[in-house]
Amino acid sequence: MVKVSVAIPTYNRKEKLRRLLNSLKESTFKDFEVIVVDDASTDGTEVMIKNEFPYVKYIKHEKPTLVAKSRNDAIEASEGDYIFFIDDDNVVERDTIEKLLNYIEKHEEIGTIAPVTCYYSSPDKVMYAGAVFSKFMRRTISLYSGFPCKSLEGKVIEVDVFANSYMFRKEAIKKAGLIPWRRIPWNGEDGYLQYKIKKLGYKNATLGSARVYHDVDIKEGVRRYNEMRLYYAIKSKIVFHRDLDPLPKKATFFMSLPIYFTYWLYVTNKAGRGIRGVKAVVQGLVDGLFNVEKNRYI
């Protein structure tokens, strides 16, 4: 048995995955296993893992299923009391796992604890420190974006959800259940589980003294929204709040759907996605409203 299971979903990012695994070797905390769930990569990830990291517990899908299924598979394969999820395009600071574990073990009310996500290319700048939902529209509001990373040192920030990296209390997952991966396979699937855990009475928090570094283009902006991302941006949002919000908040969210729809059409235009992007947004809206259980690759 181990204390922590480090779970890494991956898909065709062999070099970034190698860099992450090497950073984990430098961790000050050692009592952990590593689980890599590979969503049918074709870039040689499997050979790299077996040759260079034979201690990794490696699970490979025969065909792509998107990331929620990978997260569920990692949870079911894990042996640790805590599960630290981290996306494959990150680097972990040496003491991050140790700091997260020390905090969550001392605070039984915490269901999920996360590090601050800083930019890999600008390591002094916060990309993300968790998010909260607005009261009426249920808009996802990212916290502390653009702040100096070390300005959050010593802070514990209570939030609704996280992305990118976070540590679950496994006992809380057992109570909440797995992600309904066929209905919310991507984009908010991790937040779905985190928010279910919060609804059980746990707290979710970001630990300001723990950091990871996410390798994304700091200047990318709306260009990151291809047709598939546009589709899941609206579909997953609908599934999330219909399933998890109490009736009054659910009602105000659905009242706000025309605003969301208009916003994503605006993003489609800014990203230069044309008619294909518009179709993706419309399809996401329809599939979300009708609760379609299908993984769409657009």
C-alpha atoms as a PDB file:
ATOM      1  CA  MET A   1       0.000   0.000   0.000  1.00  0.00           C
ATOM      2  CA  VAL A   2       1.090   3.565  -0.703  1.00  0.00           C
ATOM      3  CA  LYS A   3      -0.019   6.880   0.722  1.00  0.00           C
ATOM      4  CA  VAL A   4      -0.582   8.717  -2.587  1.00  0.00           C
ATOM      5  CA  SER A   5      -1.452   7.605  -6.105  1.00  0.00           C
ATOM      6  CA  VAL A   6      -0.232  10.066  -8.747  1.00  0.00           C
ATOM      7  CA  ALA A   7      -2.623   9.762 -11.698  1.00  0.00           C
ATOM      8  CA  ILE A   8      -1.762  11.120 -15.148  1.00  0.00           C
ATOM      9  CA  PRO A   9      -4.177  10.959 -18.085  1.00  0.00           C
ATOM     10  CA  THR A  10      -2.296  11.275 -21.387  1.00  0.00           C
ATOM     11  CA  TYR A  11      -2.837  11.352 -25.121  1.00  0.00           C
ATOM     12  CA  ASN A  12      -0.083  11.772 -27.730  1.00  0.00           C
ATOM     13  CA  ARG A  13       2.186  13.979 -25.604  1.00  0.00           C
ATOM     14  CA  LYS A  14       5.111  11.640 -25.072  1.00  0.00           C
ATOM     15  CA  GLU A  15       7.787  14.295 -24.593  1.00  0.00           C
ATOM     16  CA  LYS A  16       5.764  16.359 -22.136  1.00  0.00           C
ATOM     17  CA  LEU A  17       4.795  13.215 -20.243  1.00  0.00           C
ATOM     18  CA  ARG A  18       8.481  12.220 -19.988  1.00  0.00           C
ATOM     19  CA  ARG A  19       9.310  15.659 -18.558  1.00  0.00           C
ATOM     20  CA  LEU A  20       6.528  15.356 -15.960  1.00  0.00           C
ATOM     21  CA  LEU A  21       7.612  11.873 -14.904  1.00  0.00           C
ATOM     22  CA  ASN A  22      11.186  13.073 -14.501  1.00  0.00           C
ATOM     23  CA  SER A  23      10.018  15.968 -12.318  1.00  0.00           C
ATOM     24  CA  LEU A  24       8.123  13.508 -10.110  1.00  0.00           C
ATOM     25  CA  LYS A  25      11.364  11.618  -9.521  1.00  0.00           C
ATOM     26  CA  GLU A  26      12.694  14.723  -7.760  1.00  0.00           C
ATOM     27  CA  SER A  27       9.775  14.896  -5.335  1.00  0.00           C
ATOM     28  CA  THR A  28      10.662  15.289  -1.653  1.00  0.00           C
ATOM     29  CA  PHE A  29       7.777  12.909  -0.888  1.00  0.00           C
ATOM     30  CA  LYS A  30       8.483   9.324  -1.965  1.00  0.00           C
ATOM     31  CA  ASP A  31       5.578   7.155  -0.781  1.00  0.00           C
ATOM     32  CA  PHE A  32       3.593   7.250  -3.996  1.00  0.00           C
ATOM     33  CA  GLU A  33       2.773   5.156  -7.027  1.00  0.00           C
ATOM     34  CA  VAL A  34       2.404   6.550 -10.549  1.00  0.00           C
ATOM     35  CA  ILE A  35      -0.531   5.583 -12.771  1.00  0.00           C
ATOM     36  CA  VAL A  36      -0.546   6.647 -16.416  1.00  0.00           C
ATOM     37  CA  VAL A  37      -3.794   6.155 -18.316  1.00  0.00           C
ATOM     38  CA  ASP A  38      -3.149   6.432 -22.040  1.00  0.00           C
ATOM     39  CA  ASP A  39      -6.189   7.249 -24.181  1.00  0.00           C
ATOM     40  CA  ALA A  40      -4.933   5.260 -27.218  1.00  0.00           C
ATOM     41  CA  SER A  41      -1.824   7.305 -28.051  1.00  0.00           C
ATOM     42  CA  THR A  42      -0.070   6.597 -31.346  1.00  0.00           C
ATOM     43  CA  ASP A  43       3.196   8.497 -30.715  1.00  0.00           C
ATOM     44  CA  GLY A  44       5.220   5.800 -28.950  1.00  0.00           C
ATOM     45  CA  THR A  45       4.096   6.628 -25.424  1.00  0.00           C
ATOM     46  CA  GLU A  46       3.745   2.956 -24.478  1.00  0.00           C
ATOM     47  CA  VAL A  47       7.297   2.058 -25.538  1.00  0.00           C
ATOM     48  CA  MET A  48       8.715   5.098 -23.754  1.00  0.00           C
ATOM     49  CA  ILE A  49       6.946   4.196 -20.501  1.00  0.00           C
ATOM     50  CA  LYS A  50       8.018   0.559 -20.584  1.00  0.00           C
ATOM     51  CA  ASN A  51      11.639   1.363 -21.447  1.00  0.00           C
ATOM     52  CA  GLU A  52      12.254   4.403 -19.250  1.00  0.00           C
ATOM     53  CA  PHE A  53       9.700   4.200 -16.420  1.00  0.00           C
ATOM     54  CA  PRO A  54       9.023   0.480 -15.831  1.00  0.00           C
ATOM     55  CA  TYR A  55       7.688   1.152 -12.321  1.00  0.00           C
ATOM     56  CA  VAL A  56       4.714   3.084 -13.722  1.00  0.00           C
ATOM     57  CA  LYS A  57       1.336   1.376 -13.588  1.00  0.00           C
ATOM     58  CA  TYR A  58       0.361   1.760 -17.253  1.00  0.00           C
ATOM     59  CA  ILE A  59      -3.203   1.454 -18.573  1.00  0.00           C
ATOM     60  CA  LYS A  60      -3.913   1.887 -22.290  1.00  0.00           C
ATOM     61  CA  HIS A  61      -7.291   2.282 -23.971  1.00  0.00           C
ATOM     62  CA  GLU A  62      -7.791   0.420 -27.239  1.00  0.00           C
ATOM     63  CA  LYS A  63      -9.581   3.450 -28.677  1.00  0.00           C
ATOM     64  CA  PRO A  64      -9.946   7.069 -27.524  1.00  0.00           C
ATOM     65  CA  THR A  65     -12.667   7.720 -24.956  1.00  0.00           C
ATOM     66  CA  LEU A  66     -11.646  11.218 -23.759  1.00  0.00           C
ATOM     67  CA  VAL A  67     -10.311  12.124 -20.365  1.00  0.00           C
ATOM     68  CA  ALA A  68     -13.189  11.407 -17.932  1.00  0.00           C
ATOM     69  CA  LYS A  69     -12.925   7.668 -18.577  1.00  0.00           C
ATOM     70  CA  SER A  70      -9.161   7.909 -18.021  1.00  0.00           C
ATOM     71  CA  ARG A  71      -9.750   9.576 -14.657  1.00  0.00           C
ATOM     72  CA  ASN A  72     -12.212   6.892 -13.601  1.00  0.00           C
ATOM     73  CA  ASP A  73      -9.796   4.139 -14.641  1.00  0.00           C
ATOM     74  CA  ALA A  74      -7.013   5.746 -12.600  1.00  0.00           C
ATOM     75  CA  ILE A  75      -9.262   6.006  -9.549  1.00  0.00           C
ATOM     76  CA  GLU A  76     -10.243   2.344  -9.793  1.00  0.00           C
ATOM     77  CA  ALA A  77      -6.604   1.246 -10.220  1.00  0.00           C
ATOM     78  CA  SER A  78      -5.269   3.417  -7.388  1.00  0.00           C
ATOM     79  CA  GLU A  79      -4.016   2.021  -4.091  1.00  0.00           C
ATOM     80  CA  GLY A  80      -3.316   5.266  -2.230  1.00  0.00           C
ATOM     81  CA  ASP A  81      -5.396   6.964   0.442  1.00  0.00           C
ATOM     82  CA  TYR A  82      -5.116  10.112  -1.678  1.00  0.00           C
ATOM     83  CA  ILE A  83      -5.083  10.561  -5.459  1.00  0.00           C
ATOM     84  CA  PHE A  84      -3.089  13.384  -6.991  1.00  0.00           C
ATOM     85  CA  PHE A  85      -4.246  14.049 -10.540  1.00  0.00           C
ATOM     86  CA  ILE A  86      -2.007  16.058 -12.809  1.00  0.00           C
ATOM     87  CA  ASP A  87      -2.270  16.648 -16.550  1.00  0.00           C
ATOM     88  CA  ASP A  88       0.644  15.458 -18.655  1.00  0.00           C
ATOM     89  CA  ASP A  89       1.794  18.933 -19.795  1.00  0.00           C
ATOM     90  CA  ASN A  90       2.970  20.016 -16.337  1.00  0.00           C
ATOM     91  CA  VAL A  91       6.080  20.053 -14.183  1.00  0.00           C
ATOM     92  CA  VAL A  92       5.719  19.532 -10.424  1.00  0.00           C
ATOM     93  CA  GLU A  93       7.703  21.505  -7.877  1.00  0.00           C
ATOM     94  CA  ARG A  94       9.756  19.212  -5.637  1.00  0.00           C
ATOM     95  CA  ASP A  95       7.741  19.742  -2.449  1.00  0.00           C
ATOM     96  CA  THR A  96       4.255  20.114  -3.939  1.00  0.00           C
ATOM     97  CA  ILE A  97       2.978  16.604  -3.179  1.00  0.00           C
ATOM     98  CA  GLU A  98       4.406  16.773   0.341  1.00  0.00           C
ATOM     99  CA  LYS A  99       2.738  20.122   1.047  1.00  0.00           C
ATOM    100  CA  LEU A 100      -0.639  19.021  -0.300  1.00  0.00           C
ATOM    101  CA  LEU A 101      -0.557  15.776   1.653  1.00  0.00           C
ATOM    102  CA  ASN A 102       0.492  17.443   4.902  1.00  0.00           C
ATOM    103  CA  TYR A 103      -2.379  19.900   4.645  1.00  0.00           C
ATOM    104  CA  ILE A 104      -5.146  17.459   3.702  1.00  0.00           C
ATOM    105  CA  GLU A 105      -4.086  14.976   6.401  1.00  0.00           C
ATOM    106  CA  LYS A 106      -4.336  17.677   9.059  1.00  0.00           C
ATOM    107  CA  HIS A 107      -7.712  18.978   7.863  1.00  0.00           C
ATOM    108  CA  GLU A 108     -10.377  16.287   7.690  1.00  0.00           C
ATOM    109  CA  GLU A 109     -12.902  18.761   6.286  1.00  0.00           C
ATOM    110  CA  ILE A 110     -10.935  19.055   3.025  1.00  0.00           C
ATOM    111  CA  GLY A 111     -12.162  16.808   0.219  1.00  0.00           C
ATOM    112  CA  THR A 112      -9.927  18.135  -2.553  1.00  0.00           C
ATOM    113  CA  ILE A 113      -6.769  20.237  -2.261  1.00  0.00           C
ATOM    114  CA  ALA A 114      -4.939  21.770  -5.230  1.00  0.00           C
ATOM    115  CA  PRO A 115      -1.686  23.578  -5.908  1.00  0.00           C
ATOM    116  CA  VAL A 116      -1.502  26.926  -7.665  1.00  0.00           C
ATOM    117  CA  THR A 117      -1.031  26.474 -11.416  1.00  0.00           C
ATOM    118  CA  CYS A 118       1.666  28.800 -12.766  1.00  0.00           C
ATOM    119  CA  TYR A 119       2.781  29.168 -16.371  1.00  0.00           C
ATOM    120  CA  TYR A 120       5.732  26.998 -17.392  1.00  0.00           C
ATOM    121  CA  SER A 121       6.951  29.738 -19.744  1.00  0.00           C
ATOM    122  CA  SER A 122       6.401  32.484 -17.099  1.00  0.00           C
ATOM    123  CA  PRO A 123       6.931  30.679 -13.799  1.00  0.00           C
ATOM    124  CA  ASP A 124       6.349  33.820 -11.748  1.00  0.00           C
ATOM    125  CA  LYS A 125       2.786  34.281 -13.081  1.00  0.00           C
ATOM    126  CA  VAL A 126      -0.380  32.542 -11.856  1.00  0.00           C
ATOM    127  CA  MET A 127      -2.413  30.863 -14.560  1.00  0.00           C
ATOM    128  CA  TYR A 128      -5.073  29.535 -12.243  1.00  0.00           C
ATOM    129  CA  ALA A 129      -5.746  29.111  -8.517  1.00  0.00           C
ATOM    130  CA  GLY A 130      -9.123  27.410  -8.657  1.00  0.00           C
ATOM    131  CA  ALA A 131     -12.527  28.798  -9.592  1.00  0.00           C
ATOM    132  CA  VAL A 132     -15.895  29.720  -8.111  1.00  0.00           C
ATOM    133  CA  PHE A 133     -19.347  29.914  -9.688  1.00  0.00           C
ATOM    134  CA  SER A 134     -21.264  33.177  -9.826  1.00  0.00           C
ATOM    135  CA  LYS A 135     -24.610  33.144  -8.003  1.00  0.00           C
ATOM    136  CA  PHE A 136     -26.966  33.917 -10.883  1.00  0.00           C
ATOM    137  CA  MET A 137     -25.447  32.826 -14.187  1.00  0.00           C
ATOM    138  CA  ARG A 138     -23.220  30.173 -12.583  1.00  0.00           C
ATOM    139  CA  ARG A 139     -20.355  31.599 -14.600  1.00  0.00           C
ATOM    140  CA  THR A 140     -16.973  29.999 -13.846  1.00  0.00           C
ATOM    141  CA  ILE A 141     -14.695  32.677 -12.402  1.00  0.00           C
ATOM    142  CA  SER A 142     -10.976  31.851 -12.300  1.00  0.00           C
ATOM    143  CA  LEU A 143      -9.154  33.202  -9.255  1.00  0.00           C
ATOM    144  CA  TYR A 144      -5.856  35.128  -9.077  1.00  0.00           C
ATOM    145  CA  SER A 145      -5.017  34.769 -12.787  1.00  0.00           C
ATOM    146  CA  GLY A 146      -2.019  36.991 -13.612  1.00  0.00           C
ATOM    147  CA  PHE A 147      -0.913  37.443  -9.984  1.00  0.00           C
ATOM    148  CA  PRO A 148       2.710  36.737  -8.993  1.00  0.00           C
ATOM    149  CA  CYS A 149       2.846  33.055  -7.984  1.00  0.00           C
ATOM    150  CA  LYS A 150       4.643  33.682  -4.707  1.00  0.00           C
ATOM    151  CA  SER A 151       2.095  36.325  -3.685  1.00  0.00           C
ATOM    152  CA  LEU A 152      -0.214  33.432  -2.759  1.00  0.00           C
ATOM    153  CA  GLU A 153       2.320  31.915  -0.364  1.00  0.00           C
ATOM    154  CA  GLY A 154       0.598  31.192   2.955  1.00  0.00           C
ATOM    155  CA  LYS A 155      -2.936  31.519   1.555  1.00  0.00           C
ATOM    156  CA  VAL A 156      -5.579  28.794   1.633  1.00  0.00           C
ATOM    157  CA  ILE A 157      -8.262  29.686  -0.897  1.00  0.00           C
ATOM    158  CA  GLU A 158     -11.660  27.977  -0.657  1.00  0.00           C
ATOM    159  CA  VAL A 159     -13.066  27.318  -4.148  1.00  0.00           C
ATOM    160  CA  ASP A 160     -15.764  25.386  -5.976  1.00  0.00           C
ATOM    161  CA  VAL A 161     -13.662  23.564  -8.582  1.00  0.00           C
ATOM    162  CA  PHE A 162     -10.157  23.191 -10.022  1.00  0.00           C
ATOM    163  CA  ALA A 163      -8.580  22.092 -13.276  1.00  0.00           C
ATOM    164  CA  ASN A 164      -5.173  20.729 -14.267  1.00  0.00           C
ATOM    165  CA  SER A 165      -3.961  19.316 -10.913  1.00  0.00           C
ATOM    166  CA  TYR A 166      -5.521  18.492  -7.542  1.00  0.00           C
ATOM    167  CA  MET A 167      -5.415  15.900  -4.768  1.00  0.00           C
ATOM    168  CA  PHE A 168      -8.551  13.968  -3.801  1.00  0.00           C
ATOM    169  CA  ARG A 169      -9.271  12.300  -0.500  1.00  0.00           C
ATOM    170  CA  LYS A 170     -10.112   8.801  -1.737  1.00  0.00           C
ATOM    171  CA  GLU A 171     -12.680   8.320   0.998  1.00  0.00           C
ATOM    172  CA  ALA A 172     -14.570  11.311  -0.442  1.00  0.00           C
ATOM    173  CA  ILE A 173     -14.530   9.815  -3.951  1.00  0.00           C
ATOM    174  CA  LYS A 174     -15.994   6.581  -2.610  1.00  0.00           C
ATOM    175  CA  LYS A 175     -18.895   8.585  -1.184  1.00  0.00           C
ATOM    176  CA  ALA A 176     -19.404  10.717  -4.299  1.00  0.00           C
ATOM    177  CA  GLY A 177     -19.005   8.007  -6.937  1.00  0.00           C
ATOM    178  CA  LEU A 178     -17.179   8.128 -10.264  1.00  0.00           C
ATOM    179  CA  ILE A 179     -17.595  10.655 -13.092  1.00  0.00           C
ATOM    180  CA  PRO A 180     -20.531   9.914 -15.464  1.00  0.00           C
ATOM    181  CA  TRP A 181     -18.032   9.826 -18.305  1.00  0.00           C
ATOM    182  CA  ARG A 182     -20.471   9.128 -21.127  1.00  0.00           C
ATOM    183  CA  ARG A 183     -22.356  12.366 -20.432  1.00  0.00           C
ATOM    184  CA  ILE A 184     -19.474  14.634 -19.446  1.00  0.00           C
ATOM    185  CA  PRO A 185     -16.391  13.076 -21.076  1.00  0.00           C
ATOM    186  CA  TRP A 186     -14.308  16.263 -21.259  1.00  0.00           C
ATOM    187  CA  ASN A 187     -14.139  19.908 -20.180  1.00  0.00           C
ATOM    188  CA  GLY A 188     -15.385  20.132 -16.603  1.00  0.00           C
ATOM    189  CA  GLU A 189     -15.404  16.393 -15.938  1.00  0.00           C
ATOM    190  CA  ASP A 190     -12.947  16.777 -13.050  1.00  0.00           C
ATOM    191  CA  GLY A 191     -14.853  19.720 -11.611  1.00  0.00           C
ATOM    192  CA  TYR A 192     -17.997  17.568 -11.716  1.00  0.00           C
ATOM    193  CA  LEU A 193     -16.465  15.134  -9.226  1.00  0.00           C
ATOM    194  CA  GLN A 194     -14.940  17.895  -7.114  1.00  0.00           C
ATOM    195  CA  TYR A 195     -18.275  19.686  -6.820  1.00  0.00           C
ATOM    196  CA  LYS A 196     -20.077  16.452  -5.937  1.00  0.00           C
ATOM    197  CA  ILE A 197     -17.561  16.055  -3.133  1.00  0.00           C
ATOM    198  CA  LYS A 198     -18.183  19.614  -1.971  1.00  0.00           C
ATOM    199  CA  LYS A 199     -21.937  18.980  -1.936  1.00  0.00           C
ATOM    200  CA  LEU A 200     -21.291  16.122   0.515  1.00  0.00           C
ATOM    201  CA  GLY A 201     -20.068  18.708   3.037  1.00  0.00           C
ATOM    202  CA  TYR A 202     -16.336  18.714   2.320  1.00  0.00           C
ATOM    203  CA  LYS A 203     -14.365  21.839   1.453  1.00  0.00           C
ATOM    204  CA  ASN A 204     -12.294  22.291  -1.703  1.00  0.00           C
ATOM    205  CA  ALA A 205      -9.252  24.536  -1.368  1.00  0.00           C
ATOM    206  CA  THR A 206      -6.162  25.777  -3.191  1.00  0.00           C
ATOM    207  CA  LEU A 207      -2.934  25.746  -1.181  1.00  0.00           C
ATOM    208  CA  GLY A 208      -0.985  28.869  -2.092  1.00  0.00           C
ATOM    209  CA  SER A 209       2.410  27.477  -1.079  1.00  0.00           C
ATOM    210  CA  ALA A 210       2.212  24.486  -3.467  1.00  0.00           C
ATOM    211  CA  ARG A 211       2.853  24.982  -7.185  1.00  0.00           C
ATOM    212  CA  VAL A 212       2.872  23.229 -10.539  1.00  0.00           C
ATOM    213  CA  TYR A 213       3.853  24.703 -13.910  1.00  0.00           C
ATOM    214  CA  HIS A 214       1.546  24.237 -16.888  1.00  0.00           C
ATOM    215  CA  ASP A 215       3.094  24.256 -20.362  1.00  0.00           C
ATOM    216  CA  VAL A 216       0.514  26.193 -22.378  1.00  0.00           C
ATOM    217  CA  ASP A 217       0.874  29.215 -24.628  1.00  0.00           C
ATOM    218  CA  ILE A 218       0.295  32.255 -22.436  1.00  0.00           C
ATOM    219  CA  LYS A 219      -0.752  34.284 -25.520  1.00  0.00           C
ATOM    220  CA  GLU A 220      -3.024  31.691 -27.116  1.00  0.00           C
ATOM    221  CA  GLY A 221      -6.336  33.137 -25.909  1.00  0.00           C
ATOM    222  CA  VAL A 222      -9.421  32.249 -27.948  1.00  0.00           C
ATOM    223  CA  ARG A 223      -7.290  30.513 -30.588  1.00  0.00           C
ATOM    224  CA  ARG A 224      -7.339  27.428 -28.371  1.00  0.00           C
ATOM    225  CA  TYR A 225     -11.041  26.980 -29.093  1.00  0.00           C
ATOM    226  CA  ASN A 226     -11.270  24.531 -31.969  1.00  0.00           C
ATOM    227  CA  GLU A 227     -14.625  22.960 -32.900  1.00  0.00           C
ATOM    228  CA  MET A 228     -14.343  20.165 -30.364  1.00  0.00           C
ATOM    229  CA  ARG A 229     -13.500  22.484 -27.494  1.00  0.00           C
ATOM    230  CA  LEU A 230     -16.395  24.776 -28.450  1.00  0.00           C
ATOM    231  CA  TYR A 231     -18.792  21.831 -28.467  1.00  0.00           C
ATOM    232  CA  TYR A 232     -17.802  20.624 -25.002  1.00  0.00           C
ATOM    233  CA  ALA A 233     -17.579  24.124 -23.528  1.00  0.00           C
ATOM    234  CA  ILE A 234     -21.346  24.482 -23.738  1.00  0.00           C
ATOM    235  CA  LYS A 235     -22.453  20.846 -23.546  1.00  0.00           C
ATOM    236  CA  SER A 236     -20.465  20.010 -20.402  1.00  0.00           C
ATOM    237  CA  LYS A 237     -21.546  23.248 -18.714  1.00  0.00           C
ATOM    238  CA  ILE A 238     -25.202  22.308 -19.176  1.00  0.00           C
ATOM    239  CA  VAL A 239     -24.708  18.761 -17.882  1.00  0.00           C
ATOM    240  CA  PHE A 240     -22.751  20.014 -14.874  1.00  0.00           C
ATOM    241  CA  HIS A 241     -25.300  22.529 -13.584  1.00  0.00           C
ATOM    242  CA  ARG A 242     -28.384  20.505 -14.459  1.00  0.00           C
ATOM    243  CA  ASP A 243     -27.020  17.574 -12.456  1.00  0.00           C
ATOM    244  CA  LEU A 244     -25.453  19.334  -9.493  1.00  0.00           C
ATOM    245  CA  ASP A 245     -27.133  22.685  -8.808  1.00  0.00           C
ATOM    246  CA  PRO A 246     -30.103  23.064  -6.461  1.00  0.00           C
ATOM    247  CA  LEU A 247     -33.329  24.050  -8.198  1.00  0.00           C
ATOM    248  CA  PRO A 248     -33.118  27.871  -7.747  1.00  0.00           C
ATOM    249  CA  LYS A 249     -29.560  28.039  -9.116  1.00  0.00           C
ATOM    250  CA  LYS A 250     -30.401  25.573 -11.858  1.00  0.00           C
ATOM    251  CA  ALA A 251     -33.279  27.817 -12.904  1.00  0.00           C
ATOM    252  CA  THR A 252     -31.133  30.951 -13.098  1.00  0.00           C
ATOM    253  CA  PHE A 253     -28.489  29.031 -15.058  1.00  0.00           C
ATOM    254  CA  PHE A 254     -31.013  27.922 -17.678  1.00  0.00           C
ATOM    255  CA  MET A 255     -32.381  31.453 -17.854  1.00  0.00           C
ATOM    256  CA  SER A 256     -28.830  32.538 -18.722  1.00  0.00           C
ATOM    257  CA  LEU A 257     -28.319  29.989 -21.505  1.00  0.00           C
ATOM    258  CA  PRO A 258     -29.051  32.494 -24.303  1.00  0.00           C
ATOM    259  CA  ILE A 259     -26.174  34.603 -22.961  1.00  0.00           C
ATOM    260  CA  TYR A 260     -23.834  31.600 -22.934  1.00  0.00           C
ATOM    261  CA  PHE A 261     -24.901  30.655 -26.459  1.00  0.00           C
ATOM    262  CA  THR A 262     -24.243  34.191 -27.716  1.00  0.00           C
ATOM    263  CA  TYR A 263     -20.903  34.290 -25.950  1.00  0.00           C
ATOM    264  CA  TRP A 264     -19.679  31.063 -27.527  1.00  0.00           C
ATOM    265  CA  LEU A 265     -20.778  32.271 -30.954  1.00  0.00           C
ATOM    266  CA  TYR A 266     -18.674  35.376 -30.291  1.00  0.00           C
ATOM    267  CA  VAL A 267     -15.687  33.198 -29.320  1.00  0.00           C
ATOM    268  CA  THR A 268     -16.242  31.128 -32.464  1.00  0.00           C
ATOM    269  CA  ASN A 269     -15.995  34.272 -34.573  1.00  0.00           C
ATOM    270  CA  LYS A 270     -12.914  35.591 -32.728  1.00  0.00           C
ATOM    271  CA  ALA A 271     -11.202  32.205 -33.099  1.00  0.00           C
ATOM    272  CA  GLY A 272     -11.950  32.204 -36.845  1.00  0.00           C
ATOM    273  CA  ARG A 273     -13.799  28.868 -36.734  1.00  0.00           C
ATOM    274  CA  GLY A 274     -16.509  29.882 -39.208  1.00  0.00           C
ATOM    275  CA  ILE A 275     -19.588  27.787 -39.912  1.00  0.00           C
ATOM    276  CA  ARG A 276     -18.015  24.620 -38.496  1.00  0.00           C
ATOM    277  CA  GLY A 277     -17.546  26.365 -35.170  1.00  0.00           C
ATOM    278  CA  VAL A 278     -21.135  27.621 -35.197  1.00  0.00           C
ATOM    279  CA  LYS A 279     -22.385  24.080 -35.873  1.00  0.00           C
ATOM    280  CA  ALA A 280     -20.268  22.791 -32.981  1.00  0.00           C
ATOM    281  CA  VAL A 281     -21.784  25.321 -30.558  1.00  0.00           C
ATOM    282  CA  VAL A 282     -25.328  24.543 -31.723  1.00  0.00           C
ATOM    283  CA  GLN A 283     -24.707  20.794 -31.464  1.00  0.00           C
ATOM    284  CA  GLY A 284     -23.255  21.219 -27.973  1.00  0.00           C
ATOM    285  CA  LEU A 285     -26.310  23.184 -26.865  1.00  0.00           C
ATOM    286  CA  VAL A 286     -28.730  20.578 -28.253  1.00  0.00           C
ATOM    287  CA  ASP A 287     -26.822  17.585 -26.867  1.00  0.00           C
ATOM    288  CA  GLY A 288     -26.531  19.243 -23.472  1.00  0.00           C
ATOM    289  CA  LEU A 289     -30.227  20.038 -23.293  1.00  0.00           C
ATOM    290  CA  PHE A 290     -31.192  16.514 -24.363  1.00  0.00           C
ATOM    291  CA  ASN A 291     -28.566  14.858 -22.134  1.00  0.00           C
ATOM    292  CA  VAL A 292     -26.994  12.926 -25.000  1.00  0.00           C
ATOM    293  CA  GLU A 293     -24.624  10.148 -23.886  1.00  0.00           C
ATOM    294  CA  LYS A 294     -22.143  10.173 -26.732  1.00  0.00           C
ATOM    295  CA  ASN A 295     -18.478  11.072 -27.133  1.00  0.00           C
ATOM    296  CA  ARG A 296     -18.303  13.353 -30.136  1.00  0.00           C
ATOM    297  CA  TYR A 297     -15.029  13.951 -31.953  1.00  0.00           C
ATOM    298  CA  ILE A 298     -15.479  17.123 -33.969  1.00  0.00           C
END
